[in-house]
Amino acid sequence: MKTDLTEFDVIIVGGGAAGLSAALWCADLGIKAIVLEKNEAPGGQLRWIHTPILNYPAIEASNGKDFLKRLLDQVAKRATDIQTSSVVAAAVESPSRSASSPGDGS
């Protein structure tokens, strides 16, 4: 099933710790975002971490599975869109939107 990506302000490629964290920030800032994850479920490398996670800001977890559950609970509370089994073939800037980089005055 294809999703109309033009309805989102931000498209996040990858549903690991970084992608889910980005989605949380977008939700908190009122920015409509979607996470595109190539696997059947989000989590990335967190699924293979079996040791305590003690160095992620504001979260300590007994292992990757515990950490992932905490992230997904927060994502669910914010009703963030996550599309799994997605393959991103290319990223192309839309003519109707512009990108800026730090320091360019915009």
Protein backbone atom coordinates (compact mmCIF):
# COMPACT_ATOMS: atom_id res chain seq x y z
CA MET A 1 0.00 0.00 0.00
CA LYS A 2 1.40 3.38 -1.00
CA THR A 3 1.10 6.34 1.31
CA ASP A 4 0.70 9.87 0.01
CA LEU A 5 3.89 11.32 1.46
CA THR A 6 2.97 14.86 0.44
CA GLU A 7 0.73 15.11 3.51
CA PHE A 8 3.79 15.00 5.80
CA ASP A 9 6.21 17.78 6.69
CA VAL A 10 9.03 15.34 7.48
CA ILE A 11 9.84 11.87 6.15
CA ILE A 12 12.13 9.91 8.47
CA VAL A 13 13.96 7.04 6.82
CA GLY A 14 14.67 4.29 9.34
CA GLY A 15 12.84 3.22 12.48
CA GLY A 16 15.77 2.61 14.80
CA ALA A 17 16.57 4.63 17.91
CA ALA A 18 17.50 7.75 15.95
CA GLY A 19 14.48 7.63 13.64
CA LEU A 20 12.03 7.04 16.49
CA SER A 21 13.64 9.83 18.51
CA ALA A 22 13.32 12.18 15.53
CA ALA A 23 9.65 11.23 15.22
CA LEU A 24 9.10 12.04 18.91
CA TRP A 25 10.69 15.47 18.49
CA CYS A 26 8.57 16.17 15.43
CA ALA A 27 5.41 15.22 17.31
CA ASP A 28 6.36 17.41 20.28
CA LEU A 29 6.99 20.35 17.93
CA GLY A 30 3.71 19.87 16.04
CA ILE A 31 5.45 18.75 12.85
CA LYS A 32 3.61 16.01 10.91
CA ALA A 33 6.09 13.20 10.29
CA ILE A 34 6.13 9.62 9.07
CA VAL A 35 8.75 6.96 9.76
CA LEU A 36 9.57 4.61 6.87
CA GLU A 37 11.14 1.37 8.10
CA LYS A 38 12.40 -1.35 5.74
CA ASN A 39 11.88 -4.21 8.22
CA GLU A 40 8.57 -5.67 9.35
CA ALA A 41 8.89 -3.86 12.69
CA PRO A 42 10.72 -0.76 13.91
CA GLY A 43 13.68 -1.03 16.25
CA GLY A 44 16.78 -1.39 14.13
CA GLN A 45 19.81 -2.60 16.08
CA LEU A 46 17.97 -2.28 19.39
CA ARG A 47 16.58 -5.75 18.74
CA TRP A 48 20.08 -7.25 19.11
CA ILE A 49 21.34 -5.36 22.18
CA HIS A 50 21.29 -7.65 25.21
CA THR A 51 23.27 -5.49 27.62
CA PRO A 52 22.08 -2.52 29.68
CA ILE A 53 21.70 0.82 27.90
CA LEU A 54 22.95 3.46 30.30
CA ASN A 55 24.12 6.28 28.03
CA TYR A 56 20.99 7.46 26.21
CA PRO A 57 19.74 10.81 27.54
CA ALA A 58 16.98 10.45 30.15
CA ILE A 59 16.50 6.72 29.62
CA GLU A 60 18.17 3.73 31.21
CA ALA A 61 17.07 0.31 30.02
CA SER A 62 18.00 -3.24 30.89
CA ASN A 63 18.54 -4.11 27.21
CA GLY A 64 17.58 -3.13 23.67
CA LYS A 65 14.16 -4.77 23.86
CA ASP A 66 13.29 -2.77 27.00
CA PHE A 67 14.60 0.45 25.43
CA LEU A 68 12.62 -0.17 22.23
CA LYS A 69 9.43 -0.79 24.23
CA ARG A 70 9.88 2.55 26.01
CA LEU A 71 10.42 4.38 22.71
CA LEU A 72 7.45 2.70 21.02
CA ASP A 73 5.22 3.52 24.01
CA GLN A 74 6.11 7.19 23.62
CA VAL A 75 5.60 7.05 19.85
CA ALA A 76 2.18 5.43 20.31
CA LYS A 77 1.09 8.14 22.77
CA ARG A 78 1.79 10.73 20.08
CA ALA A 79 0.03 8.80 17.30
CA THR A 80 3.10 8.96 15.06
CA ASP A 81 2.80 7.29 11.66
CA ILE A 82 5.18 4.36 11.10
CA GLN A 83 5.13 2.46 7.83
CA THR A 84 7.02 -0.83 7.90
CA SER A 85 8.26 -3.01 5.04
CA SER A 86 9.05 0.18 3.12
CA VAL A 87 11.85 0.61 0.63
CA VAL A 88 13.08 4.11 -0.15
CA ALA A 89 14.38 4.16 -3.70
CA ALA A 90 15.33 7.85 -3.86
CA ALA A 91 14.94 11.09 -1.99
CA VAL A 92 14.13 14.04 -4.21
CA GLU A 93 13.42 17.58 -3.07
CA SER A 94 9.98 18.77 -4.02
CA PRO A 95 9.85 21.97 -6.11
CA SER A 96 7.18 23.30 -3.72
CA ARG A 97 9.44 22.90 -0.69
CA SER A 98 12.88 24.20 -0.03
CA ALA A 99 15.71 23.03 2.19
CA SER A 100 18.08 25.27 4.06
CA SER A 101 21.33 24.63 5.82
CA PRO A 102 22.61 26.22 9.01
CA GLY A 103 24.24 29.58 8.49
CA ASP A 104 22.57 30.48 5.19
CA GLY A 105 20.40 33.14 6.81
CA SER A 106 17.08 31.33 6.46
